[in-house]
Amino acid sequence: MTKLNRRAFIATGAAAGAATLASPAILHAQEATKLRFANFAGPTSFLSTGIFRPWFDQIEEAAEGTIQIDMYDGGSLASAADVYDAVRRGIADLGWGVTSYTPGRFNAATVVELPFEAKSCASASAGLWAAYEAGLLDGFRGAEILAVMSSGIQLVHAIEEIKMPADLAGKRVRAAGAAAARMWEAFGAIPVALPVPDIAESLSKNTLTGSMNDWNALATWGIFDFVPYHVDVPLGSSPCFLTMNQDAFDGLPQVAQDAIKAHSGHEFNEFWAAELDAENNRLRAQVAENPEHTIHTPTDEKVEMAHASLSEVFDTWAAETENGQAVLELYRETVAAYEAA
């Protein structure tokens, strides 16, 4: 090989190397913006491994490697009560939370707390998102709202045998949210506002007799061991949110913004609800086979009677909530249509 050819060969190789270094995949990897997700659930919980991580993986792929979403589990970045403001202020880039941890702030969203309305997380989430899209939900300001959704449908679980919620009259029951508290007062029980991570300890010390949770929460927060009795009636749920810091969102490249938007709102709610309902059904089946646990399912007649006895709870909620009647009507209409489909 002549000296000139050698130079040409080296130049060609260098150019090829530069082209390789500049390949889109490598550039994307080098330029990926890291986003911090505040997650108060534990790293091995179903919410972390079965919902959020798979969902974020889909977003990262759709964003073509321009973002990397890192999960900060177990409240390590923000506590459950502080998530919304932590995201709004930029302490976290994204986060999810439950509105009942900040009472009085997201009042209209508590429509999902009303009992005997929705039978699944999917229908409750559809109803809540419809109210958000209609501009009827207060409190959701200062951040990019990616989703407003329902927790799993909550049942009542107790340390002693019960057959209806009213059997807990005079007893202390954990209730998440004001509407749920009014329901328990109507049943004659004493509602206790308590973050979900503290429920198991309170039950173990007999400072609580019962708690409202979906099946997944019993597994996630170690509550199963203390509540062998369960009444399978739909006692409402908790409103949840998935949000992002506005500046963090605005600063992303268009491909990343489009990926996040395409996987948010109705799309996220459908994924969230399908996975959470499936997990709750799986866990319920396990409990039903466990001889140490008893699940009581009241008759339709008893459920209807209990529902009718709470008319004042619904009326009070609608009267005291901004746009309350409009929210309740839209929620009921959407839930009924979803469950009939």
C-alpha atoms as a PDB file:
ATOM      1  CA  MET A   1       0.000   0.000   0.000  1.00  0.00           C
ATOM      2  CA  THR A   2       1.399   3.417  -0.997  1.00  0.00           C
ATOM      3  CA  LYS A   3       1.784   6.240   1.490  1.00  0.00           C
ATOM      4  CA  LEU A   4      -1.073   8.100  -0.248  1.00  0.00           C
ATOM      5  CA  ASN A   5      -3.363   5.087  -0.079  1.00  0.00           C
ATOM      6  CA  ARG A   6      -2.522   4.563   3.578  1.00  0.00           C
ATOM      7  CA  ARG A   7      -3.504   8.146   4.299  1.00  0.00           C
ATOM      8  CA  ALA A   8      -6.737   7.696   2.405  1.00  0.00           C
ATOM      9  CA  PHE A   9      -7.439   4.454   4.299  1.00  0.00           C
ATOM     10  CA  ILE A  10      -6.802   6.122   7.661  1.00  0.00           C
ATOM     11  CA  ALA A  11      -8.960   9.104   6.704  1.00  0.00           C
ATOM     12  CA  THR A  12     -11.760   6.813   5.594  1.00  0.00           C
ATOM     13  CA  GLY A  13     -11.539   4.823   8.828  1.00  0.00           C
ATOM     14  CA  ALA A  14     -11.574   7.984  10.905  1.00  0.00           C
ATOM     15  CA  ALA A  15     -14.614   9.227   9.042  1.00  0.00           C
ATOM     16  CA  ALA A  16     -16.349   5.908   9.578  1.00  0.00           C
ATOM     17  CA  GLY A  17     -15.490   6.043  13.262  1.00  0.00           C
ATOM     18  CA  ALA A  18     -16.868   9.550  13.515  1.00  0.00           C
ATOM     19  CA  ALA A  19     -20.032   8.449  11.774  1.00  0.00           C
ATOM     20  CA  THR A  20     -20.372   5.587  14.238  1.00  0.00           C
ATOM     21  CA  LEU A  21     -19.901   7.924  17.177  1.00  0.00           C
ATOM     22  CA  ALA A  22     -22.552  10.207  15.739  1.00  0.00           C
ATOM     23  CA  SER A  23     -25.137   7.470  15.249  1.00  0.00           C
ATOM     24  CA  PRO A  24     -28.607   8.463  16.498  1.00  0.00           C
ATOM     25  CA  ALA A  25     -28.758   5.744  19.147  1.00  0.00           C
ATOM     26  CA  ILE A  26     -25.487   6.823  20.753  1.00  0.00           C
ATOM     27  CA  LEU A  27     -26.340  10.490  20.508  1.00  0.00           C
ATOM     28  CA  HIS A  28     -29.667   9.836  22.180  1.00  0.00           C
ATOM     29  CA  ALA A  29     -27.969   7.859  24.942  1.00  0.00           C
ATOM     30  CA  GLN A  30     -25.513  10.683  25.519  1.00  0.00           C
ATOM     31  CA  GLU A  31     -28.189  13.359  25.496  1.00  0.00           C
ATOM     32  CA  ALA A  32     -30.906  11.558  27.498  1.00  0.00           C
ATOM     33  CA  THR A  33     -32.490  13.819  30.073  1.00  0.00           C
ATOM     34  CA  LYS A  34     -32.866  12.085  33.413  1.00  0.00           C
ATOM     35  CA  LEU A  35     -36.237  12.592  35.089  1.00  0.00           C
ATOM     36  CA  ARG A  36     -36.837  11.808  38.770  1.00  0.00           C
ATOM     37  CA  PHE A  37     -40.111  10.056  39.621  1.00  0.00           C
ATOM     38  CA  ALA A  38     -41.361  10.370  43.220  1.00  0.00           C
ATOM     39  CA  ASN A  39     -42.975   7.069  44.203  1.00  0.00           C
ATOM     40  CA  PHE A  40     -44.038   6.501  47.798  1.00  0.00           C
ATOM     41  CA  ALA A  41     -44.744   2.802  47.156  1.00  0.00           C
ATOM     42  CA  GLY A  42     -41.927   0.338  47.815  1.00  0.00           C
ATOM     43  CA  PRO A  43     -39.555  -0.829  45.074  1.00  0.00           C
ATOM     44  CA  THR A  44     -40.998  -4.363  44.979  1.00  0.00           C
ATOM     45  CA  SER A  45     -44.657  -3.362  45.209  1.00  0.00           C
ATOM     46  CA  PHE A  46     -47.042  -4.169  42.370  1.00  0.00           C
ATOM     47  CA  LEU A  47     -47.559  -0.478  41.630  1.00  0.00           C
ATOM     48  CA  SER A  48     -43.817  -0.038  41.137  1.00  0.00           C
ATOM     49  CA  THR A  49     -43.011  -3.203  39.206  1.00  0.00           C
ATOM     50  CA  GLY A  50     -46.331  -3.936  37.516  1.00  0.00           C
ATOM     51  CA  ILE A  51     -47.496  -0.473  36.494  1.00  0.00           C
ATOM     52  CA  PHE A  52     -45.055   2.424  36.711  1.00  0.00           C
ATOM     53  CA  ARG A  53     -41.840   0.790  35.519  1.00  0.00           C
ATOM     54  CA  PRO A  54     -43.422  -0.923  32.482  1.00  0.00           C
ATOM     55  CA  TRP A  55     -45.250   2.281  31.594  1.00  0.00           C
ATOM     56  CA  PHE A  56     -42.128   4.407  31.801  1.00  0.00           C
ATOM     57  CA  ASP A  57     -40.254   1.872  29.686  1.00  0.00           C
ATOM     58  CA  GLN A  58     -42.843   2.407  26.958  1.00  0.00           C
ATOM     59  CA  ILE A  59     -42.452   6.179  27.197  1.00  0.00           C
ATOM     60  CA  GLU A  60     -38.658   5.983  27.017  1.00  0.00           C
ATOM     61  CA  GLU A  61     -38.859   3.821  23.908  1.00  0.00           C
ATOM     62  CA  ALA A  62     -41.362   6.142  22.239  1.00  0.00           C
ATOM     63  CA  ALA A  63     -39.146   9.109  23.130  1.00  0.00           C
ATOM     64  CA  GLU A  64     -36.325   7.487  21.133  1.00  0.00           C
ATOM     65  CA  GLY A  65     -33.859   7.514  23.994  1.00  0.00           C
ATOM     66  CA  THR A  66     -34.109  11.239  24.726  1.00  0.00           C
ATOM     67  CA  ILE A  67     -35.305  10.707  28.321  1.00  0.00           C
ATOM     68  CA  GLN A  68     -34.569   8.329  31.163  1.00  0.00           C
ATOM     69  CA  ILE A  69     -37.091   8.083  34.006  1.00  0.00           C
ATOM     70  CA  ASP A  70     -35.509   7.065  37.314  1.00  0.00           C
ATOM     71  CA  MET A  71     -37.834   5.894  40.082  1.00  0.00           C
ATOM     72  CA  TYR A  72     -37.239   7.031  43.656  1.00  0.00           C
ATOM     73  CA  ASP A  73     -39.250   4.503  45.636  1.00  0.00           C
ATOM     74  CA  GLY A  74     -40.482   4.302  49.202  1.00  0.00           C
ATOM     75  CA  GLY A  75     -40.927   8.056  49.623  1.00  0.00           C
ATOM     76  CA  SER A  76     -37.178   8.653  49.299  1.00  0.00           C
ATOM     77  CA  LEU A  77     -37.706  11.783  47.174  1.00  0.00           C
ATOM     78  CA  ALA A  78     -41.023  13.004  48.597  1.00  0.00           C
ATOM     79  CA  SER A  79     -43.489  11.703  51.149  1.00  0.00           C
ATOM     80  CA  ALA A  80     -46.989  10.705  50.092  1.00  0.00           C
ATOM     81  CA  ALA A  81     -48.421  13.970  51.413  1.00  0.00           C
ATOM     82  CA  ASP A  82     -45.784  16.123  49.708  1.00  0.00           C
ATOM     83  CA  VAL A  83     -45.666  14.633  46.199  1.00  0.00           C
ATOM     84  CA  TYR A  84     -47.819  17.180  44.393  1.00  0.00           C
ATOM     85  CA  ASP A  85     -45.891  20.173  45.723  1.00  0.00           C
ATOM     86  CA  ALA A  86     -42.541  18.402  45.325  1.00  0.00           C
ATOM     87  CA  VAL A  87     -43.299  18.024  41.624  1.00  0.00           C
ATOM     88  CA  ARG A  88     -44.688  21.530  41.287  1.00  0.00           C
ATOM     89  CA  ARG A  89     -41.538  23.017  42.855  1.00  0.00           C
ATOM     90  CA  GLY A  90     -39.109  20.841  40.894  1.00  0.00           C
ATOM     91  CA  ILE A  91     -37.858  18.700  43.771  1.00  0.00           C
ATOM     92  CA  ALA A  92     -39.147  15.807  41.663  1.00  0.00           C
ATOM     93  CA  ASP A  93     -39.771  15.869  37.924  1.00  0.00           C
ATOM     94  CA  LEU A  94     -42.697  13.454  38.058  1.00  0.00           C
ATOM     95  CA  GLY A  95     -44.724  11.874  40.824  1.00  0.00           C
ATOM     96  CA  TRP A  96     -47.936  10.159  41.754  1.00  0.00           C
ATOM     97  CA  GLY A  97     -50.042  10.586  44.820  1.00  0.00           C
ATOM     98  CA  VAL A  98     -53.390  10.235  46.557  1.00  0.00           C
ATOM     99  CA  THR A  99     -55.403  13.409  47.084  1.00  0.00           C
ATOM    100  CA  SER A 100     -56.710  12.400  50.507  1.00  0.00           C
ATOM    101  CA  TYR A 101     -53.248  13.093  51.954  1.00  0.00           C
ATOM    102  CA  THR A 102     -53.878  16.798  51.330  1.00  0.00           C
ATOM    103  CA  PRO A 103     -57.499  17.247  52.506  1.00  0.00           C
ATOM    104  CA  GLY A 104     -59.429  20.259  51.280  1.00  0.00           C
ATOM    105  CA  ARG A 105     -57.301  20.758  48.182  1.00  0.00           C
ATOM    106  CA  PHE A 106     -58.823  18.473  45.539  1.00  0.00           C
ATOM    107  CA  ASN A 107     -62.431  18.520  46.682  1.00  0.00           C
ATOM    108  CA  ALA A 108     -64.336  17.587  43.523  1.00  0.00           C
ATOM    109  CA  ALA A 109     -62.082  14.591  42.858  1.00  0.00           C
ATOM    110  CA  THR A 110     -63.417  12.996  46.041  1.00  0.00           C
ATOM    111  CA  VAL A 111     -66.503  11.983  44.072  1.00  0.00           C
ATOM    112  CA  VAL A 112     -64.802   8.581  43.715  1.00  0.00           C
ATOM    113  CA  GLU A 113     -64.900   8.206  47.508  1.00  0.00           C
ATOM    114  CA  LEU A 114     -68.695   7.986  47.423  1.00  0.00           C
ATOM    115  CA  PRO A 115     -69.764   4.381  48.077  1.00  0.00           C
ATOM    116  CA  PHE A 116     -71.695   1.951  45.893  1.00  0.00           C
ATOM    117  CA  GLU A 117     -71.159   3.956  42.672  1.00  0.00           C
ATOM    118  CA  ALA A 118     -68.317   2.326  40.708  1.00  0.00           C
ATOM    119  CA  LYS A 119     -67.606  -1.392  40.711  1.00  0.00           C
ATOM    120  CA  SER A 120     -64.107  -1.261  39.216  1.00  0.00           C
ATOM    121  CA  CYS A 121     -61.039   0.926  39.107  1.00  0.00           C
ATOM    122  CA  ALA A 122     -61.562   1.163  35.336  1.00  0.00           C
ATOM    123  CA  SER A 123     -65.059   2.654  35.515  1.00  0.00           C
ATOM    124  CA  ALA A 124     -64.182   4.957  38.429  1.00  0.00           C
ATOM    125  CA  SER A 125     -61.072   6.197  36.606  1.00  0.00           C
ATOM    126  CA  ALA A 126     -63.099   6.830  33.445  1.00  0.00           C
ATOM    127  CA  GLY A 127     -65.629   8.863  35.423  1.00  0.00           C
ATOM    128  CA  LEU A 128     -62.961  10.881  37.213  1.00  0.00           C
ATOM    129  CA  TRP A 129     -61.025  11.651  34.025  1.00  0.00           C
ATOM    130  CA  ALA A 130     -64.245  12.763  32.322  1.00  0.00           C
ATOM    131  CA  ALA A 131     -64.785  15.264  35.135  1.00  0.00           C
ATOM    132  CA  TYR A 132     -61.202  16.506  34.794  1.00  0.00           C
ATOM    133  CA  GLU A 133     -61.481  16.942  31.034  1.00  0.00           C
ATOM    134  CA  ALA A 134     -64.736  18.858  31.569  1.00  0.00           C
ATOM    135  CA  GLY A 135     -62.842  21.319  33.783  1.00  0.00           C
ATOM    136  CA  LEU A 136     -64.833  20.387  36.883  1.00  0.00           C
ATOM    137  CA  LEU A 137     -62.003  19.304  39.205  1.00  0.00           C
ATOM    138  CA  ASP A 138     -60.420  21.883  41.482  1.00  0.00           C
ATOM    139  CA  GLY A 139     -56.881  21.918  42.865  1.00  0.00           C
ATOM    140  CA  PHE A 140     -54.963  20.606  39.870  1.00  0.00           C
ATOM    141  CA  ARG A 141     -52.887  23.679  39.113  1.00  0.00           C
ATOM    142  CA  GLY A 142     -49.210  24.557  38.720  1.00  0.00           C
ATOM    143  CA  ALA A 143     -48.091  21.320  37.072  1.00  0.00           C
ATOM    144  CA  GLU A 144     -48.517  19.241  33.932  1.00  0.00           C
ATOM    145  CA  ILE A 145     -51.353  16.837  34.738  1.00  0.00           C
ATOM    146  CA  LEU A 146     -50.626  13.480  33.129  1.00  0.00           C
ATOM    147  CA  ALA A 147     -53.534  11.582  34.672  1.00  0.00           C
ATOM    148  CA  VAL A 148     -56.214  11.723  37.345  1.00  0.00           C
ATOM    149  CA  MET A 149     -57.335   8.218  38.222  1.00  0.00           C
ATOM    150  CA  SER A 150     -59.001   6.065  40.844  1.00  0.00           C
ATOM    151  CA  SER A 151     -57.369   3.676  43.243  1.00  0.00           C
ATOM    152  CA  GLY A 152     -58.686   0.140  43.328  1.00  0.00           C
ATOM    153  CA  ILE A 153     -62.233  -0.162  44.654  1.00  0.00           C
ATOM    154  CA  GLN A 154     -62.091  -0.320  48.431  1.00  0.00           C
ATOM    155  CA  LEU A 155     -63.782  -2.901  50.623  1.00  0.00           C
ATOM    156  CA  VAL A 156     -63.937  -3.093  54.382  1.00  0.00           C
ATOM    157  CA  HIS A 157     -61.528  -5.389  56.219  1.00  0.00           C
ATOM    158  CA  ALA A 158     -61.647  -6.047  59.955  1.00  0.00           C
ATOM    159  CA  ILE A 159     -59.957  -7.784  62.850  1.00  0.00           C
ATOM    160  CA  GLU A 160     -63.322  -9.214  63.940  1.00  0.00           C
ATOM    161  CA  GLU A 161     -66.119 -10.896  62.008  1.00  0.00           C
ATOM    162  CA  ILE A 162     -68.565  -8.569  60.249  1.00  0.00           C
ATOM    163  CA  LYS A 163     -71.148  -9.069  57.510  1.00  0.00           C
ATOM    164  CA  MET A 164     -71.985  -5.462  56.626  1.00  0.00           C
ATOM    165  CA  PRO A 165     -70.144  -2.146  57.084  1.00  0.00           C
ATOM    166  CA  ALA A 166     -72.726  -1.077  59.674  1.00  0.00           C
ATOM    167  CA  ASP A 167     -71.516  -3.940  61.899  1.00  0.00           C
ATOM    168  CA  LEU A 168     -68.576  -1.672  62.736  1.00  0.00           C
ATOM    169  CA  ALA A 169     -70.823   0.840  64.528  1.00  0.00           C
ATOM    170  CA  GLY A 170     -68.986   2.282  67.510  1.00  0.00           C
ATOM    171  CA  LYS A 171     -65.616   0.974  66.244  1.00  0.00           C
ATOM    172  CA  ARG A 172     -62.633   2.902  64.839  1.00  0.00           C
ATOM    173  CA  VAL A 173     -62.236   2.459  61.092  1.00  0.00           C
ATOM    174  CA  ARG A 174     -59.562   3.896  58.840  1.00  0.00           C
ATOM    175  CA  ALA A 175     -61.175   6.118  56.188  1.00  0.00           C
ATOM    176  CA  ALA A 176     -59.308   7.905  53.419  1.00  0.00           C
ATOM    177  CA  GLY A 177     -61.004  11.223  52.734  1.00  0.00           C
ATOM    178  CA  ALA A 178     -63.907  13.341  53.947  1.00  0.00           C
ATOM    179  CA  ALA A 179     -66.602  11.585  51.910  1.00  0.00           C
ATOM    180  CA  ALA A 180     -65.497   8.210  53.234  1.00  0.00           C
ATOM    181  CA  ALA A 181     -65.468   9.624  56.762  1.00  0.00           C
ATOM    182  CA  ARG A 182     -69.074  10.809  56.374  1.00  0.00           C
ATOM    183  CA  MET A 183     -70.071   7.365  55.165  1.00  0.00           C
ATOM    184  CA  TRP A 184     -68.607   5.711  58.256  1.00  0.00           C
ATOM    185  CA  GLU A 185     -70.283   8.257  60.507  1.00  0.00           C
ATOM    186  CA  ALA A 186     -73.592   7.408  58.828  1.00  0.00           C
ATOM    187  CA  PHE A 187     -72.920   3.743  59.588  1.00  0.00           C
ATOM    188  CA  GLY A 188     -72.247   4.685  63.219  1.00  0.00           C
ATOM    189  CA  ALA A 189     -68.505   4.010  63.100  1.00  0.00           C
ATOM    190  CA  ILE A 190     -65.656   6.327  64.112  1.00  0.00           C
ATOM    191  CA  PRO A 191     -63.610   7.325  61.033  1.00  0.00           C
ATOM    192  CA  VAL A 192     -59.855   7.694  61.484  1.00  0.00           C
ATOM    193  CA  ALA A 193     -57.704   9.567  58.953  1.00  0.00           C
ATOM    194  CA  LEU A 194     -54.517   7.563  58.630  1.00  0.00           C
ATOM    195  CA  PRO A 195     -51.865   7.255  55.885  1.00  0.00           C
ATOM    196  CA  VAL A 196     -51.886   3.799  54.383  1.00  0.00           C
ATOM    197  CA  PRO A 197     -48.321   2.938  55.549  1.00  0.00           C
ATOM    198  CA  ASP A 198     -49.502   3.304  59.181  1.00  0.00           C
ATOM    199  CA  ILE A 199     -52.564   1.037  58.964  1.00  0.00           C
ATOM    200  CA  ALA A 200     -50.891  -2.293  59.763  1.00  0.00           C
ATOM    201  CA  GLU A 201     -49.286  -0.979  62.949  1.00  0.00           C
ATOM    202  CA  SER A 202     -52.569   0.510  64.162  1.00  0.00           C
ATOM    203  CA  LEU A 203     -54.413  -2.743  63.507  1.00  0.00           C
ATOM    204  CA  SER A 204     -51.716  -4.711  65.308  1.00  0.00           C
ATOM    205  CA  LYS A 205     -52.157  -2.504  68.374  1.00  0.00           C
ATOM    206  CA  ASN A 206     -55.973  -2.776  68.204  1.00  0.00           C
ATOM    207  CA  THR A 207     -56.297   0.996  67.898  1.00  0.00           C
ATOM    208  CA  LEU A 208     -58.237   0.256  64.697  1.00  0.00           C
ATOM    209  CA  THR A 209     -60.908  -2.387  64.222  1.00  0.00           C
ATOM    210  CA  GLY A 210     -61.260  -2.035  60.480  1.00  0.00           C
ATOM    211  CA  SER A 211     -59.873  -0.382  57.386  1.00  0.00           C
ATOM    212  CA  MET A 212     -60.989   0.567  53.883  1.00  0.00           C
ATOM    213  CA  ASN A 213     -58.605  -0.676  51.208  1.00  0.00           C
ATOM    214  CA  ASP A 214     -58.468  -2.503  47.936  1.00  0.00           C
ATOM    215  CA  TRP A 215     -56.885  -5.973  47.913  1.00  0.00           C
ATOM    216  CA  ASN A 216     -53.619  -4.677  46.470  1.00  0.00           C
ATOM    217  CA  ALA A 217     -53.165  -2.212  49.321  1.00  0.00           C
ATOM    218  CA  LEU A 218     -53.501  -5.066  51.822  1.00  0.00           C
ATOM    219  CA  ALA A 219     -50.606  -6.820  50.112  1.00  0.00           C
ATOM    220  CA  THR A 220     -48.489  -3.711  49.464  1.00  0.00           C
ATOM    221  CA  TRP A 221     -48.626  -2.343  52.995  1.00  0.00           C
ATOM    222  CA  GLY A 222     -48.573  -5.590  55.026  1.00  0.00           C
ATOM    223  CA  ILE A 223     -52.182  -5.318  56.228  1.00  0.00           C
ATOM    224  CA  PHE A 224     -53.300  -8.857  55.324  1.00  0.00           C
ATOM    225  CA  ASP A 225     -51.931 -10.432  58.509  1.00  0.00           C
ATOM    226  CA  PHE A 226     -54.197  -8.348  60.739  1.00  0.00           C
ATOM    227  CA  VAL A 227     -57.589  -8.467  58.974  1.00  0.00           C
ATOM    228  CA  PRO A 228     -58.968 -11.989  58.481  1.00  0.00           C
ATOM    229  CA  TYR A 229     -62.513 -10.756  57.805  1.00  0.00           C
ATOM    230  CA  HIS A 230     -63.601  -8.985  54.625  1.00  0.00           C
ATOM    231  CA  VAL A 231     -66.920  -7.617  53.326  1.00  0.00           C
ATOM    232  CA  ASP A 232     -66.986  -7.469  49.542  1.00  0.00           C
ATOM    233  CA  VAL A 233     -69.025  -4.343  48.799  1.00  0.00           C
ATOM    234  CA  PRO A 234     -67.819  -1.404  46.640  1.00  0.00           C
ATOM    235  CA  LEU A 235     -67.273   1.359  49.184  1.00  0.00           C
ATOM    236  CA  GLY A 236     -65.713   3.855  46.801  1.00  0.00           C
ATOM    237  CA  SER A 237     -62.040   4.503  46.158  1.00  0.00           C
ATOM    238  CA  SER A 238     -59.391   7.191  46.469  1.00  0.00           C
ATOM    239  CA  PRO A 239     -58.598   9.794  43.803  1.00  0.00           C
ATOM    240  CA  CYS A 240     -55.019   9.619  42.573  1.00  0.00           C
ATOM    241  CA  PHE A 241     -52.897  11.744  40.254  1.00  0.00           C
ATOM    242  CA  LEU A 242     -49.856  11.414  38.017  1.00  0.00           C
ATOM    243  CA  THR A 243     -48.175  14.761  37.437  1.00  0.00           C
ATOM    244  CA  MET A 244     -45.031  16.364  36.010  1.00  0.00           C
ATOM    245  CA  ASN A 245     -43.148  19.563  36.700  1.00  0.00           C
ATOM    246  CA  GLN A 246     -44.192  22.101  34.074  1.00  0.00           C
ATOM    247  CA  ASP A 247     -40.695  23.488  33.405  1.00  0.00           C
ATOM    248  CA  ALA A 248     -39.260  19.967  33.148  1.00  0.00           C
ATOM    249  CA  PHE A 249     -41.919  19.048  30.589  1.00  0.00           C
ATOM    250  CA  ASP A 250     -41.536  22.270  28.597  1.00  0.00           C
ATOM    251  CA  GLY A 251     -37.764  21.809  28.443  1.00  0.00           C
ATOM    252  CA  LEU A 252     -37.928  18.379  26.779  1.00  0.00           C
ATOM    253  CA  PRO A 253     -37.458  17.847  23.039  1.00  0.00           C
ATOM    254  CA  GLN A 254     -40.669  17.522  21.056  1.00  0.00           C
ATOM    255  CA  VAL A 255     -40.282  13.775  20.585  1.00  0.00           C
ATOM    256  CA  ALA A 256     -40.185  13.302  24.364  1.00  0.00           C
ATOM    257  CA  GLN A 257     -43.155  15.597  24.975  1.00  0.00           C
ATOM    258  CA  ASP A 258     -45.147  13.744  22.337  1.00  0.00           C
ATOM    259  CA  ALA A 259     -44.234  10.384  23.899  1.00  0.00           C
ATOM    260  CA  ILE A 260     -45.352  11.509  27.347  1.00  0.00           C
ATOM    261  CA  LYS A 261     -48.602  12.976  26.043  1.00  0.00           C
ATOM    262  CA  ALA A 262     -49.385   9.872  23.990  1.00  0.00           C
ATOM    263  CA  HIS A 263     -49.009   7.703  27.091  1.00  0.00           C
ATOM    264  CA  SER A 264     -50.949   9.960  29.468  1.00  0.00           C
ATOM    265  CA  GLY A 265     -54.566  10.826  30.189  1.00  0.00           C
ATOM    266  CA  HIS A 266     -57.038   8.224  28.999  1.00  0.00           C
ATOM    267  CA  GLU A 267     -54.229   5.959  27.753  1.00  0.00           C
ATOM    268  CA  PHE A 268     -52.547   5.826  31.150  1.00  0.00           C
ATOM    269  CA  ASN A 269     -55.860   5.404  32.969  1.00  0.00           C
ATOM    270  CA  GLU A 270     -56.768   2.411  30.809  1.00  0.00           C
ATOM    271  CA  PHE A 271     -53.399   0.762  31.460  1.00  0.00           C
ATOM    272  CA  TRP A 272     -53.410   1.592  35.188  1.00  0.00           C
ATOM    273  CA  ALA A 273     -56.955   0.343  35.719  1.00  0.00           C
ATOM    274  CA  ALA A 274     -56.594  -2.841  33.681  1.00  0.00           C
ATOM    275  CA  GLU A 275     -53.466  -3.861  35.581  1.00  0.00           C
ATOM    276  CA  LEU A 276     -54.777  -2.835  39.001  1.00  0.00           C
ATOM    277  CA  ASP A 277     -58.181  -4.482  38.558  1.00  0.00           C
ATOM    278  CA  ALA A 278     -56.491  -7.678  37.377  1.00  0.00           C
ATOM    279  CA  GLU A 279     -54.147  -7.684  40.370  1.00  0.00           C
ATOM    280  CA  ASN A 280     -57.022  -7.064  42.785  1.00  0.00           C
ATOM    281  CA  ASN A 281     -58.999  -9.936  41.268  1.00  0.00           C
ATOM    282  CA  ARG A 282     -55.965 -12.212  41.556  1.00  0.00           C
ATOM    283  CA  LEU A 283     -55.423 -11.326  45.202  1.00  0.00           C
ATOM    284  CA  ARG A 284     -59.104 -11.721  46.041  1.00  0.00           C
ATOM    285  CA  ALA A 285     -59.033 -15.235  44.587  1.00  0.00           C
ATOM    286  CA  GLN A 286     -56.027 -16.063  46.764  1.00  0.00           C
ATOM    287  CA  VAL A 287     -57.767 -14.788  49.884  1.00  0.00           C
ATOM    288  CA  ALA A 288     -60.907 -16.766  49.044  1.00  0.00           C
ATOM    289  CA  GLU A 289     -58.820 -19.959  49.069  1.00  0.00           C
ATOM    290  CA  ASN A 290     -57.118 -19.132  52.371  1.00  0.00           C
ATOM    291  CA  PRO A 291     -58.852 -20.935  55.279  1.00  0.00           C
ATOM    292  CA  GLU A 292     -57.650 -18.255  57.691  1.00  0.00           C
ATOM    293  CA  HIS A 293     -59.679 -15.582  55.903  1.00  0.00           C
ATOM    294  CA  THR A 294     -63.416 -15.112  55.431  1.00  0.00           C
ATOM    295  CA  ILE A 295     -64.984 -13.030  52.654  1.00  0.00           C
ATOM    296  CA  HIS A 296     -68.637 -12.138  53.097  1.00  0.00           C
ATOM    297  CA  THR A 297     -70.592 -10.947  50.059  1.00  0.00           C
ATOM    298  CA  PRO A 298     -73.916  -9.326  51.031  1.00  0.00           C
ATOM    299  CA  THR A 299     -77.036  -9.839  48.953  1.00  0.00           C
ATOM    300  CA  ASP A 300     -78.021  -7.227  46.373  1.00  0.00           C
ATOM    301  CA  GLU A 301     -81.001  -6.322  48.551  1.00  0.00           C
ATOM    302  CA  LYS A 302     -78.808  -5.532  51.550  1.00  0.00           C
ATOM    303  CA  VAL A 303     -76.428  -3.509  49.384  1.00  0.00           C
ATOM    304  CA  GLU A 304     -79.312  -1.486  47.948  1.00  0.00           C
ATOM    305  CA  MET A 305     -80.640  -0.816  51.439  1.00  0.00           C
ATOM    306  CA  ALA A 306     -77.226   0.335  52.631  1.00  0.00           C
ATOM    307  CA  HIS A 307     -76.883   2.561  49.564  1.00  0.00           C
ATOM    308  CA  ALA A 308     -80.291   4.131  50.157  1.00  0.00           C
ATOM    309  CA  SER A 309     -79.458   4.801  53.786  1.00  0.00           C
ATOM    310  CA  LEU A 310     -76.607   7.081  52.692  1.00  0.00           C
ATOM    311  CA  SER A 311     -78.648   9.547  50.613  1.00  0.00           C
ATOM    312  CA  GLU A 312     -77.739  12.352  53.013  1.00  0.00           C
ATOM    313  CA  VAL A 313     -74.038  11.639  52.471  1.00  0.00           C
ATOM    314  CA  PHE A 314     -74.449  12.158  48.715  1.00  0.00           C
ATOM    315  CA  ASP A 315     -76.580  15.262  49.146  1.00  0.00           C
ATOM    316  CA  THR A 316     -74.093  16.813  51.562  1.00  0.00           C
ATOM    317  CA  TRP A 317     -71.174  16.068  49.269  1.00  0.00           C
ATOM    318  CA  ALA A 318     -72.893  17.681  46.279  1.00  0.00           C
ATOM    319  CA  ALA A 319     -73.951  20.735  48.282  1.00  0.00           C
ATOM    320  CA  GLU A 320     -70.546  21.366  49.859  1.00  0.00           C
ATOM    321  CA  THR A 321     -68.438  20.758  46.729  1.00  0.00           C
ATOM    322  CA  GLU A 322     -67.888  23.326  44.005  1.00  0.00           C
ATOM    323  CA  ASN A 323     -69.677  22.047  40.887  1.00  0.00           C
ATOM    324  CA  GLY A 324     -70.690  19.126  43.077  1.00  0.00           C
ATOM    325  CA  GLN A 325     -73.962  18.237  41.396  1.00  0.00           C
ATOM    326  CA  ALA A 326     -72.457  18.544  37.898  1.00  0.00           C
ATOM    327  CA  VAL A 327     -69.475  16.386  38.895  1.00  0.00           C
ATOM    328  CA  LEU A 328     -71.679  13.730  40.481  1.00  0.00           C
ATOM    329  CA  GLU A 329     -74.007  13.560  37.483  1.00  0.00           C
ATOM    330  CA  LEU A 330     -71.165  13.333  34.957  1.00  0.00           C
ATOM    331  CA  TYR A 331     -69.342  10.763  37.100  1.00  0.00           C
ATOM    332  CA  ARG A 332     -72.442   8.567  37.434  1.00  0.00           C
ATOM    333  CA  GLU A 333     -73.230   8.880  33.733  1.00  0.00           C
ATOM    334  CA  THR A 334     -69.694   7.934  32.680  1.00  0.00           C
ATOM    335  CA  VAL A 335     -69.404   5.066  35.170  1.00  0.00           C
ATOM    336  CA  ALA A 336     -72.763   3.614  34.085  1.00  0.00           C
ATOM    337  CA  ALA A 337     -71.867   3.846  30.397  1.00  0.00           C
ATOM    338  CA  TYR A 338     -68.456   2.257  31.001  1.00  0.00           C
ATOM    339  CA  GLU A 339     -69.845  -0.626  33.023  1.00  0.00           C
ATOM    340  CA  ALA A 340     -72.643  -1.224  30.498  1.00  0.00           C
ATOM    341  CA  ALA A 341     -70.244  -1.356  27.534  1.00  0.00           C
END
